mmCIF file of all heavy atoms, coordinates in Angstrom:
data_MODEL
# 
_entry.id   MODEL 
# 
loop_
_atom_site.group_PDB 
_atom_site.id 
_atom_site.type_symbol 
_atom_site.label_atom_id 
_atom_site.label_alt_id 
_atom_site.label_comp_id 
_atom_site.label_asym_id 
_atom_site.label_entity_id 
_atom_site.label_seq_id 
_atom_site.pdbx_PDB_ins_code 
_atom_site.Cartn_x 
_atom_site.Cartn_y 
_atom_site.Cartn_z 
_atom_site.occupancy 
_atom_site.B_iso_or_equiv 
_atom_site.pdbx_formal_charge 
_atom_site.auth_seq_id 
_atom_site.auth_comp_id 
_atom_site.auth_asym_id 
_atom_site.auth_atom_id 
_atom_site.pdbx_PDB_model_num 
ATOM 1   N N   . MET A 1 1  ? 3.118  -4.466  -1.589  1.00 0.00 ? 1  MET A N   1 
ATOM 2   C CA  . MET A 1 1  ? 3.908  -3.769  -2.582  1.00 0.00 ? 1  MET A CA  1 
ATOM 3   C C   . MET A 1 1  ? 3.586  -2.249  -2.548  1.00 0.00 ? 1  MET A C   1 
ATOM 4   O O   . MET A 1 1  ? 4.536  -1.466  -2.479  1.00 0.00 ? 1  MET A O   1 
ATOM 5   C CB  . MET A 1 1  ? 3.689  -4.335  -3.971  1.00 0.00 ? 1  MET A CB  1 
ATOM 6   C CG  . MET A 1 1  ? 4.455  -3.703  -5.080  1.00 0.00 ? 1  MET A CG  1 
ATOM 7   S SD  . MET A 1 1  ? 3.791  -2.214  -5.865  1.00 0.00 ? 1  MET A SD  1 
ATOM 8   C CE  . MET A 1 1  ? 2.163  -2.736  -6.402  1.00 0.00 ? 1  MET A CE  1 
ATOM 9   N N   . ALA A 1 2  ? 2.335  -1.918  -2.578  1.00 0.00 ? 2  ALA A N   1 
ATOM 10  C CA  . ALA A 1 2  ? 1.957  -0.489  -2.668  1.00 0.00 ? 2  ALA A CA  1 
ATOM 11  C C   . ALA A 1 2  ? 2.404  0.216   -1.356  1.00 0.00 ? 2  ALA A C   1 
ATOM 12  O O   . ALA A 1 2  ? 2.893  1.373   -1.412  1.00 0.00 ? 2  ALA A O   1 
ATOM 13  C CB  . ALA A 1 2  ? 0.448  -0.348  -2.849  1.00 0.00 ? 2  ALA A CB  1 
ATOM 14  N N   . GLN A 1 3  ? 2.288  -0.454  -0.197  1.00 0.00 ? 3  GLN A N   1 
ATOM 15  C CA  . GLN A 1 3  ? 2.703  0.180   1.036   1.00 0.00 ? 3  GLN A CA  1 
ATOM 16  C C   . GLN A 1 3  ? 4.216  0.377   1.051   1.00 0.00 ? 3  GLN A C   1 
ATOM 17  O O   . GLN A 1 3  ? 4.688  1.404   1.531   1.00 0.00 ? 3  GLN A O   1 
ATOM 18  C CB  . GLN A 1 3  ? 2.254  -0.730  2.249   1.00 0.00 ? 3  GLN A CB  1 
ATOM 19  C CG  . GLN A 1 3  ? 0.746  -0.658  2.449   1.00 0.00 ? 3  GLN A CG  1 
ATOM 20  C CD  . GLN A 1 3  ? 0.278  -1.668  3.492   1.00 0.00 ? 3  GLN A CD  1 
ATOM 21  O OE1 . GLN A 1 3  ? 0.971  -2.600  3.835   1.00 0.00 ? 3  GLN A OE1 1 
ATOM 22  N NE2 . GLN A 1 3  ? -0.926 -1.474  3.995   1.00 0.00 ? 3  GLN A NE2 1 
ATOM 23  N N   . GLU A 1 4  ? 4.954  -0.599  0.517   1.00 0.00 ? 4  GLU A N   1 
ATOM 24  C CA  . GLU A 1 4  ? 6.405  -0.487  0.401   1.00 0.00 ? 4  GLU A CA  1 
ATOM 25  C C   . GLU A 1 4  ? 6.807  0.708   -0.451  1.00 0.00 ? 4  GLU A C   1 
ATOM 26  O O   . GLU A 1 4  ? 7.710  1.495   -0.105  1.00 0.00 ? 4  GLU A O   1 
ATOM 27  C CB  . GLU A 1 4  ? 7.041  -1.786  -0.089  1.00 0.00 ? 4  GLU A CB  1 
ATOM 28  C CG  . GLU A 1 4  ? 6.941  -2.918  0.840   1.00 0.00 ? 4  GLU A CG  1 
ATOM 29  C CD  . GLU A 1 4  ? 7.790  -2.725  2.088   1.00 0.00 ? 4  GLU A CD  1 
ATOM 30  O OE1 . GLU A 1 4  ? 8.978  -2.502  1.983   1.00 0.00 ? 4  GLU A OE1 1 
ATOM 31  O OE2 . GLU A 1 4  ? 7.191  -2.862  3.226   1.00 0.00 ? 4  GLU A OE2 1 
ATOM 32  N N   . VAL A 1 5  ? 6.113  0.845   -1.575  1.00 0.00 ? 5  VAL A N   1 
ATOM 33  C CA  . VAL A 1 5  ? 6.448  1.911   -2.520  1.00 0.00 ? 5  VAL A CA  1 
ATOM 34  C C   . VAL A 1 5  ? 6.044  3.269   -1.918  1.00 0.00 ? 5  VAL A C   1 
ATOM 35  O O   . VAL A 1 5  ? 6.842  4.217   -1.954  1.00 0.00 ? 5  VAL A O   1 
ATOM 36  C CB  . VAL A 1 5  ? 5.777  1.676   -3.877  1.00 0.00 ? 5  VAL A CB  1 
ATOM 37  C CG1 . VAL A 1 5  ? 5.944  2.921   -4.780  1.00 0.00 ? 5  VAL A CG1 1 
ATOM 38  C CG2 . VAL A 1 5  ? 6.389  0.458   -4.566  1.00 0.00 ? 5  VAL A CG2 1 
ATOM 39  N N   . LEU A 1 6  ? 4.866  3.382   -1.451  1.00 0.00 ? 6  LEU A N   1 
ATOM 40  C CA  . LEU A 1 6  ? 4.351  4.653   -0.864  1.00 0.00 ? 6  LEU A CA  1 
ATOM 41  C C   . LEU A 1 6  ? 5.162  5.107   0.331   1.00 0.00 ? 6  LEU A C   1 
ATOM 42  O O   . LEU A 1 6  ? 5.293  6.305   0.607   1.00 0.00 ? 6  LEU A O   1 
ATOM 43  C CB  . LEU A 1 6  ? 2.879  4.575   -0.553  1.00 0.00 ? 6  LEU A CB  1 
ATOM 44  C CG  . LEU A 1 6  ? 1.947  4.501   -1.754  1.00 0.00 ? 6  LEU A CG  1 
ATOM 45  C CD1 . LEU A 1 6  ? 0.498  4.142   -1.365  1.00 0.00 ? 6  LEU A CD1 1 
ATOM 46  C CD2 . LEU A 1 6  ? 2.006  5.774   -2.607  1.00 0.00 ? 6  LEU A CD2 1 
ATOM 47  N N   . SER A 1 7  ? 5.684  4.132   1.103   1.00 0.00 ? 7  SER A N   1 
ATOM 48  C CA  . SER A 1 7  ? 6.469  4.492   2.290   1.00 0.00 ? 7  SER A CA  1 
ATOM 49  C C   . SER A 1 7  ? 7.890  4.903   1.923   1.00 0.00 ? 7  SER A C   1 
ATOM 50  O O   . SER A 1 7  ? 8.626  5.409   2.758   1.00 0.00 ? 7  SER A O   1 
ATOM 51  C CB  . SER A 1 7  ? 6.502  3.326   3.258   1.00 0.00 ? 7  SER A CB  1 
ATOM 52  O OG  . SER A 1 7  ? 7.303  2.300   2.739   1.00 0.00 ? 7  SER A OG  1 
ATOM 53  N N   . GLY A 1 8  ? 8.317  4.578   0.701   1.00 0.00 ? 8  GLY A N   1 
ATOM 54  C CA  . GLY A 1 8  ? 9.678  4.907   0.273   1.00 0.00 ? 8  GLY A CA  1 
ATOM 55  C C   . GLY A 1 8  ? 10.660 3.781   0.580   1.00 0.00 ? 8  GLY A C   1 
ATOM 56  O O   . GLY A 1 8  ? 11.880 3.949   0.324   1.00 0.00 ? 8  GLY A O   1 
ATOM 57  N N   . ARG A 1 9  ? 10.220 2.692   1.106   1.00 0.00 ? 9  ARG A N   1 
ATOM 58  C CA  . ARG A 1 9  ? 11.135 1.568   1.450   1.00 0.00 ? 9  ARG A CA  1 
ATOM 59  C C   . ARG A 1 9  ? 11.560 0.844   0.189   1.00 0.00 ? 9  ARG A C   1 
ATOM 60  O O   . ARG A 1 9  ? 12.567 0.126   0.206   1.00 0.00 ? 9  ARG A O   1 
ATOM 61  C CB  . ARG A 1 9  ? 10.475 0.638   2.435   1.00 0.00 ? 9  ARG A CB  1 
ATOM 62  C CG  . ARG A 1 9  ? 10.321 1.203   3.844   1.00 0.00 ? 9  ARG A CG  1 
ATOM 63  C CD  . ARG A 1 9  ? 9.830  0.210   4.827   1.00 0.00 ? 9  ARG A CD  1 
ATOM 64  N NE  . ARG A 1 9  ? 8.484  -0.314  4.511   1.00 0.00 ? 9  ARG A NE  1 
ATOM 65  C CZ  . ARG A 1 9  ? 7.383  0.211   4.982   1.00 0.00 ? 9  ARG A CZ  1 
ATOM 66  N NH1 . ARG A 1 9  ? 7.400  1.267   5.797   1.00 0.00 ? 9  ARG A NH1 1 
ATOM 67  N NH2 . ARG A 1 9  ? 6.187  -0.287  4.685   1.00 0.00 ? 9  ARG A NH2 1 
ATOM 68  N N   . MET A 1 10 ? 10.831 1.042   -0.884  1.00 0.00 ? 10 MET A N   1 
ATOM 69  C CA  . MET A 1 10 ? 11.122 0.304   -2.159  1.00 0.00 ? 10 MET A CA  1 
ATOM 70  C C   . MET A 1 10 ? 10.664 1.159   -3.317  1.00 0.00 ? 10 MET A C   1 
ATOM 71  O O   . MET A 1 10 ? 9.601  1.787   -3.275  1.00 0.00 ? 10 MET A O   1 
ATOM 72  C CB  . MET A 1 10 ? 10.388 -1.036  -2.172  1.00 0.00 ? 10 MET A CB  1 
ATOM 73  C CG  . MET A 1 10 ? 10.591 -1.854  -3.430  1.00 0.00 ? 10 MET A CG  1 
ATOM 74  S SD  . MET A 1 10 ? 9.704  -3.436  -3.349  1.00 0.00 ? 10 MET A SD  1 
ATOM 75  C CE  . MET A 1 10 ? 10.731 -4.384  -2.210  1.00 0.00 ? 10 MET A CE  1 
ATOM 76  N N   . GLY A 1 11 ? 11.494 1.242   -4.373  1.00 0.00 ? 11 GLY A N   1 
ATOM 77  C CA  . GLY A 1 11 ? 11.079 1.980   -5.518  1.00 0.00 ? 11 GLY A CA  1 
ATOM 78  C C   . GLY A 1 11 ? 10.090 1.140   -6.392  1.00 0.00 ? 11 GLY A C   1 
ATOM 79  O O   . GLY A 1 11 ? 10.053 -0.090  -6.283  1.00 0.00 ? 11 GLY A O   1 
ATOM 80  N N   . LEU A 1 12 ? 9.327  1.814   -7.170  1.00 0.00 ? 12 LEU A N   1 
ATOM 81  C CA  . LEU A 1 12 ? 8.294  1.145   -8.001  1.00 0.00 ? 12 LEU A CA  1 
ATOM 82  C C   . LEU A 1 12 ? 8.915  0.164   -8.990  1.00 0.00 ? 12 LEU A C   1 
ATOM 83  O O   . LEU A 1 12 ? 8.452  -0.935  -9.135  1.00 0.00 ? 12 LEU A O   1 
ATOM 84  C CB  . LEU A 1 12 ? 7.415  2.137   -8.686  1.00 0.00 ? 12 LEU A CB  1 
ATOM 85  C CG  . LEU A 1 12 ? 6.212  1.542   -9.453  1.00 0.00 ? 12 LEU A CG  1 
ATOM 86  C CD1 . LEU A 1 12 ? 5.327  0.734   -8.519  1.00 0.00 ? 12 LEU A CD1 1 
ATOM 87  C CD2 . LEU A 1 12 ? 5.360  2.671   -10.062 1.00 0.00 ? 12 LEU A CD2 1 
ATOM 88  N N   . ARG A 1 13 ? 10.039 0.591   -9.612  1.00 0.00 ? 13 ARG A N   1 
ATOM 89  C CA  . ARG A 1 13 ? 10.695 -0.349  -10.534 1.00 0.00 ? 13 ARG A CA  1 
ATOM 90  C C   . ARG A 1 13 ? 11.256 -1.557  -9.836  1.00 0.00 ? 13 ARG A C   1 
ATOM 91  O O   . ARG A 1 13 ? 11.197 -2.663  -10.323 1.00 0.00 ? 13 ARG A O   1 
ATOM 92  C CB  . ARG A 1 13 ? 11.865 0.381   -11.297 1.00 0.00 ? 13 ARG A CB  1 
ATOM 93  C CG  . ARG A 1 13 ? 11.333 1.382   -12.269 1.00 0.00 ? 13 ARG A CG  1 
ATOM 94  C CD  . ARG A 1 13 ? 12.511 2.023   -13.000 1.00 0.00 ? 13 ARG A CD  1 
ATOM 95  N NE  . ARG A 1 13 ? 12.147 3.189   -13.799 1.00 0.00 ? 13 ARG A NE  1 
ATOM 96  C CZ  . ARG A 1 13 ? 11.608 3.142   -14.990 1.00 0.00 ? 13 ARG A CZ  1 
ATOM 97  N NH1 . ARG A 1 13 ? 11.380 1.949   -15.556 1.00 0.00 ? 13 ARG A NH1 1 
ATOM 98  N NH2 . ARG A 1 13 ? 11.274 4.219   -15.607 1.00 0.00 ? 13 ARG A NH2 1 
ATOM 99  N N   . GLU A 1 14 ? 11.791 -1.365  -8.625  1.00 0.00 ? 14 GLU A N   1 
ATOM 100 C CA  . GLU A 1 14 ? 12.297 -2.465  -7.844  1.00 0.00 ? 14 GLU A CA  1 
ATOM 101 C C   . GLU A 1 14 ? 11.158 -3.405  -7.461  1.00 0.00 ? 14 GLU A C   1 
ATOM 102 O O   . GLU A 1 14 ? 11.271 -4.629  -7.579  1.00 0.00 ? 14 GLU A O   1 
ATOM 103 C CB  . GLU A 1 14 ? 12.956 -1.903  -6.591  1.00 0.00 ? 14 GLU A CB  1 
ATOM 104 C CG  . GLU A 1 14 ? 13.609 -2.856  -5.652  1.00 0.00 ? 14 GLU A CG  1 
ATOM 105 C CD  . GLU A 1 14 ? 14.185 -2.211  -4.437  1.00 0.00 ? 14 GLU A CD  1 
ATOM 106 O OE1 . GLU A 1 14 ? 14.091 -0.954  -4.262  1.00 0.00 ? 14 GLU A OE1 1 
ATOM 107 O OE2 . GLU A 1 14 ? 14.729 -2.985  -3.627  1.00 0.00 ? 14 GLU A OE2 1 
ATOM 108 N N   . ALA A 1 15 ? 10.004 -2.858  -7.083  1.00 0.00 ? 15 ALA A N   1 
ATOM 109 C CA  . ALA A 1 15 ? 8.860  -3.692  -6.691  1.00 0.00 ? 15 ALA A CA  1 
ATOM 110 C C   . ALA A 1 15 ? 8.343  -4.498  -7.838  1.00 0.00 ? 15 ALA A C   1 
ATOM 111 O O   . ALA A 1 15 ? 7.951  -5.650  -7.652  1.00 0.00 ? 15 ALA A O   1 
ATOM 112 C CB  . ALA A 1 15 ? 7.717  -2.796  -6.124  1.00 0.00 ? 15 ALA A CB  1 
ATOM 113 N N   . ALA A 1 16 ? 8.452  -3.974  -9.031  1.00 0.00 ? 16 ALA A N   1 
ATOM 114 C CA  . ALA A 1 16 ? 8.000  -4.699  -10.233 1.00 0.00 ? 16 ALA A CA  1 
ATOM 115 C C   . ALA A 1 16 ? 8.808  -5.956  -10.468 1.00 0.00 ? 16 ALA A C   1 
ATOM 116 O O   . ALA A 1 16 ? 8.359  -6.851  -11.171 1.00 0.00 ? 16 ALA A O   1 
ATOM 117 C CB  . ALA A 1 16 ? 7.991  -3.800  -11.457 1.00 0.00 ? 16 ALA A CB  1 
ATOM 118 N N   . ASN A 1 17 ? 9.996  -6.005  -9.938  1.00 0.00 ? 17 ASN A N   1 
ATOM 119 C CA  . ASN A 1 17 ? 10.877 -7.142  -10.110 1.00 0.00 ? 17 ASN A CA  1 
ATOM 120 C C   . ASN A 1 17 ? 10.748 -8.201  -9.044  1.00 0.00 ? 17 ASN A C   1 
ATOM 121 O O   . ASN A 1 17 ? 11.374 -9.262  -9.099  1.00 0.00 ? 17 ASN A O   1 
ATOM 122 C CB  . ASN A 1 17 ? 12.363 -6.688  -10.168 1.00 0.00 ? 17 ASN A CB  1 
ATOM 123 C CG  . ASN A 1 17 ? 12.633 -5.944  -11.451 1.00 0.00 ? 17 ASN A CG  1 
ATOM 124 O OD1 . ASN A 1 17 ? 12.117 -6.268  -12.491 1.00 0.00 ? 17 ASN A OD1 1 
ATOM 125 N ND2 . ASN A 1 17 ? 13.436 -4.909  -11.354 1.00 0.00 ? 17 ASN A ND2 1 
ATOM 126 N N   . VAL A 1 18 ? 9.830  -7.982  -8.094  1.00 0.00 ? 18 VAL A N   1 
ATOM 127 C CA  . VAL A 1 18 ? 9.582  -8.989  -7.056  1.00 0.00 ? 18 VAL A CA  1 
ATOM 128 C C   . VAL A 1 18 ? 8.529  -9.980  -7.570  1.00 0.00 ? 18 VAL A C   1 
ATOM 129 O O   . VAL A 1 18 ? 7.440  -9.544  -7.898  1.00 0.00 ? 18 VAL A O   1 
ATOM 130 C CB  . VAL A 1 18 ? 9.139  -8.286  -5.726  1.00 0.00 ? 18 VAL A CB  1 
ATOM 131 C CG1 . VAL A 1 18 ? 8.744  -9.345  -4.693  1.00 0.00 ? 18 VAL A CG1 1 
ATOM 132 C CG2 . VAL A 1 18 ? 10.217 -7.383  -5.235  1.00 0.00 ? 18 VAL A CG2 1 
ATOM 133 N N   . SER A 1 19 ? 8.907  -11.234 -7.667  1.00 0.00 ? 19 SER A N   1 
ATOM 134 C CA  . SER A 1 19 ? 8.015  -12.175 -8.355  1.00 0.00 ? 19 SER A CA  1 
ATOM 135 C C   . SER A 1 19 ? 6.634  -12.310 -7.699  1.00 0.00 ? 19 SER A C   1 
ATOM 136 O O   . SER A 1 19 ? 5.597  -12.425 -8.354  1.00 0.00 ? 19 SER A O   1 
ATOM 137 C CB  . SER A 1 19 ? 8.676  -13.527 -8.427  1.00 0.00 ? 19 SER A CB  1 
ATOM 138 O OG  . SER A 1 19 ? 8.950  -14.065 -7.138  1.00 0.00 ? 19 SER A OG  1 
ATOM 139 N N   . ALA A 1 20 ? 6.537  -12.277 -6.365  1.00 0.00 ? 20 ALA A N   1 
ATOM 140 C CA  . ALA A 1 20 ? 5.262  -12.363 -5.687  1.00 0.00 ? 20 ALA A CA  1 
ATOM 141 C C   . ALA A 1 20 ? 4.328  -11.227 -6.048  1.00 0.00 ? 20 ALA A C   1 
ATOM 142 O O   . ALA A 1 20 ? 3.139  -11.393 -6.299  1.00 0.00 ? 20 ALA A O   1 
ATOM 143 C CB  . ALA A 1 20 ? 5.450  -12.434 -4.199  1.00 0.00 ? 20 ALA A CB  1 
ATOM 144 N N   . TYR A 1 21 ? 4.923  -10.017 -6.164  1.00 0.00 ? 21 TYR A N   1 
ATOM 145 C CA  . TYR A 1 21 ? 4.093  -8.878  -6.575  1.00 0.00 ? 21 TYR A CA  1 
ATOM 146 C C   . TYR A 1 21 ? 3.662  -8.986  -8.031  1.00 0.00 ? 21 TYR A C   1 
ATOM 147 O O   . TYR A 1 21 ? 2.549  -8.704  -8.401  1.00 0.00 ? 21 TYR A O   1 
ATOM 148 C CB  . TYR A 1 21 ? 4.890  -7.578  -6.362  1.00 0.00 ? 21 TYR A CB  1 
ATOM 149 C CG  . TYR A 1 21 ? 5.331  -7.326  -4.959  1.00 0.00 ? 21 TYR A CG  1 
ATOM 150 C CD1 . TYR A 1 21 ? 6.408  -6.465  -4.707  1.00 0.00 ? 21 TYR A CD1 1 
ATOM 151 C CD2 . TYR A 1 21 ? 4.699  -7.883  -3.840  1.00 0.00 ? 21 TYR A CD2 1 
ATOM 152 C CE1 . TYR A 1 21 ? 6.836  -6.164  -3.392  1.00 0.00 ? 21 TYR A CE1 1 
ATOM 153 C CE2 . TYR A 1 21 ? 5.099  -7.619  -2.559  1.00 0.00 ? 21 TYR A CE2 1 
ATOM 154 C CZ  . TYR A 1 21 ? 6.196  -6.773  -2.305  1.00 0.00 ? 21 TYR A CZ  1 
ATOM 155 O OH  . TYR A 1 21 ? 6.568  -6.462  -1.086  1.00 0.00 ? 21 TYR A OH  1 
ATOM 156 N N   . ALA A 1 22 ? 4.632  -9.360  -8.893  1.00 0.00 ? 22 ALA A N   1 
ATOM 157 C CA  . ALA A 1 22 ? 4.356  -9.437  -10.318 1.00 0.00 ? 22 ALA A CA  1 
ATOM 158 C C   . ALA A 1 22 ? 3.301  -10.528 -10.582 1.00 0.00 ? 22 ALA A C   1 
ATOM 159 O O   . ALA A 1 22 ? 2.373  -10.279 -11.411 1.00 0.00 ? 22 ALA A O   1 
ATOM 160 C CB  . ALA A 1 22 ? 5.636  -9.749  -11.070 1.00 0.00 ? 22 ALA A CB  1 
ATOM 161 N N   . GLU A 1 23 ? 3.383  -11.638 -9.894  1.00 0.00 ? 23 GLU A N   1 
ATOM 162 C CA  . GLU A 1 23 ? 2.399  -12.715 -10.149 1.00 0.00 ? 23 GLU A CA  1 
ATOM 163 C C   . GLU A 1 23 ? 1.011  -12.248 -9.719  1.00 0.00 ? 23 GLU A C   1 
ATOM 164 O O   . GLU A 1 23 ? 0.022  -12.536 -10.472 1.00 0.00 ? 23 GLU A O   1 
ATOM 165 C CB  . GLU A 1 23 ? 2.815  -13.921 -9.322  1.00 0.00 ? 23 GLU A CB  1 
ATOM 166 C CG  . GLU A 1 23 ? 4.004  -14.627 -9.889  1.00 0.00 ? 23 GLU A CG  1 
ATOM 167 C CD  . GLU A 1 23 ? 4.602  -15.694 -8.905  1.00 0.00 ? 23 GLU A CD  1 
ATOM 168 O OE1 . GLU A 1 23 ? 3.941  -16.049 -7.878  1.00 0.00 ? 23 GLU A OE1 1 
ATOM 169 O OE2 . GLU A 1 23 ? 5.686  -16.206 -9.215  1.00 0.00 ? 23 GLU A OE2 1 
ATOM 170 N N   . GLN A 1 24 ? 0.870  -11.585 -8.622  1.00 0.00 ? 24 GLN A N   1 
ATOM 171 C CA  . GLN A 1 24 ? -0.455 -11.118 -8.241  1.00 0.00 ? 24 GLN A CA  1 
ATOM 172 C C   . GLN A 1 24 ? -0.951 -10.027 -9.125  1.00 0.00 ? 24 GLN A C   1 
ATOM 173 O O   . GLN A 1 24 ? -2.141 -9.956  -9.465  1.00 0.00 ? 24 GLN A O   1 
ATOM 174 C CB  . GLN A 1 24 ? -0.557 -10.687 -6.771  1.00 0.00 ? 24 GLN A CB  1 
ATOM 175 C CG  . GLN A 1 24 ? -1.945 -10.455 -6.331  1.00 0.00 ? 24 GLN A CG  1 
ATOM 176 C CD  . GLN A 1 24 ? -2.157 -10.416 -4.837  1.00 0.00 ? 24 GLN A CD  1 
ATOM 177 O OE1 . GLN A 1 24 ? -1.240 -9.969  -4.122  1.00 0.00 ? 24 GLN A OE1 1 
ATOM 178 N NE2 . GLN A 1 24 ? -3.274 -10.840 -4.340  1.00 0.00 ? 24 GLN A NE2 1 
ATOM 179 N N   . ALA A 1 25 ? -0.079 -9.186  -9.631  1.00 0.00 ? 25 ALA A N   1 
ATOM 180 C CA  . ALA A 1 25 ? -0.477 -8.148  -10.598 1.00 0.00 ? 25 ALA A CA  1 
ATOM 181 C C   . ALA A 1 25 ? -1.013 -8.762  -11.863 1.00 0.00 ? 25 ALA A C   1 
ATOM 182 O O   . ALA A 1 25 ? -2.069 -8.338  -12.389 1.00 0.00 ? 25 ALA A O   1 
ATOM 183 C CB  . ALA A 1 25 ? 0.698  -7.204  -10.896 1.00 0.00 ? 25 ALA A CB  1 
ATOM 184 N N   . VAL A 1 26 ? -0.328 -9.798  -12.376 1.00 0.00 ? 26 VAL A N   1 
ATOM 185 C CA  . VAL A 1 26 ? -0.785 -10.484 -13.593 1.00 0.00 ? 26 VAL A CA  1 
ATOM 186 C C   . VAL A 1 26 ? -2.148 -11.154 -13.312 1.00 0.00 ? 26 VAL A C   1 
ATOM 187 O O   . VAL A 1 26 ? -3.065 -11.078 -14.136 1.00 0.00 ? 26 VAL A O   1 
ATOM 188 C CB  . VAL A 1 26 ? 0.268  -11.511 -14.062 1.00 0.00 ? 26 VAL A CB  1 
ATOM 189 C CG1 . VAL A 1 26 ? -0.331 -12.444 -15.146 1.00 0.00 ? 26 VAL A CG1 1 
ATOM 190 C CG2 . VAL A 1 26 ? 1.528  -10.785 -14.561 1.00 0.00 ? 26 VAL A CG2 1 
ATOM 191 N N   . GLU A 1 27 ? -2.273 -11.789 -12.185 1.00 0.00 ? 27 GLU A N   1 
ATOM 192 C CA  . GLU A 1 27 ? -3.504 -12.490 -11.806 1.00 0.00 ? 27 GLU A CA  1 
ATOM 193 C C   . GLU A 1 27 ? -4.665 -11.497 -11.714 1.00 0.00 ? 27 GLU A C   1 
ATOM 194 O O   . GLU A 1 27 ? -5.760 -11.738 -12.251 1.00 0.00 ? 27 GLU A O   1 
ATOM 195 C CB  . GLU A 1 27 ? -3.323 -13.145 -10.452 1.00 0.00 ? 27 GLU A CB  1 
ATOM 196 C CG  . GLU A 1 27 ? -4.518 -13.912 -9.942  1.00 0.00 ? 27 GLU A CG  1 
ATOM 197 C CD  . GLU A 1 27 ? -4.264 -14.586 -8.634  1.00 0.00 ? 27 GLU A CD  1 
ATOM 198 O OE1 . GLU A 1 27 ? -3.204 -15.230 -8.482  1.00 0.00 ? 27 GLU A OE1 1 
ATOM 199 O OE2 . GLU A 1 27 ? -5.096 -14.331 -7.709  1.00 0.00 ? 27 GLU A OE2 1 
ATOM 200 N N   . GLN A 1 28 ? -4.418 -10.321 -11.121 1.00 0.00 ? 28 GLN A N   1 
ATOM 201 C CA  . GLN A 1 28 ? -5.494 -9.298  -10.974 1.00 0.00 ? 28 GLN A CA  1 
ATOM 202 C C   . GLN A 1 28 ? -5.841 -8.651  -12.295 1.00 0.00 ? 28 GLN A C   1 
ATOM 203 O O   . GLN A 1 28 ? -6.944 -8.195  -12.529 1.00 0.00 ? 28 GLN A O   1 
ATOM 204 C CB  . GLN A 1 28 ? -5.053 -8.208  -9.962  1.00 0.00 ? 28 GLN A CB  1 
ATOM 205 C CG  . GLN A 1 28 ? -4.936 -8.707  -8.566  1.00 0.00 ? 28 GLN A CG  1 
ATOM 206 C CD  . GLN A 1 28 ? -6.301 -9.065  -7.968  1.00 0.00 ? 28 GLN A CD  1 
ATOM 207 O OE1 . GLN A 1 28 ? -7.296 -8.397  -8.185  1.00 0.00 ? 28 GLN A OE1 1 
ATOM 208 N NE2 . GLN A 1 28 ? -6.333 -10.179 -7.242  1.00 0.00 ? 28 GLN A NE2 1 
# 
């Protein structure tokens, strides 16, 4: 997720809506 956002391939708000990313963020 961070690599996608930092590279500009995905916006941070968009990344927050990806369930795999959100689940790991909650877990961490």
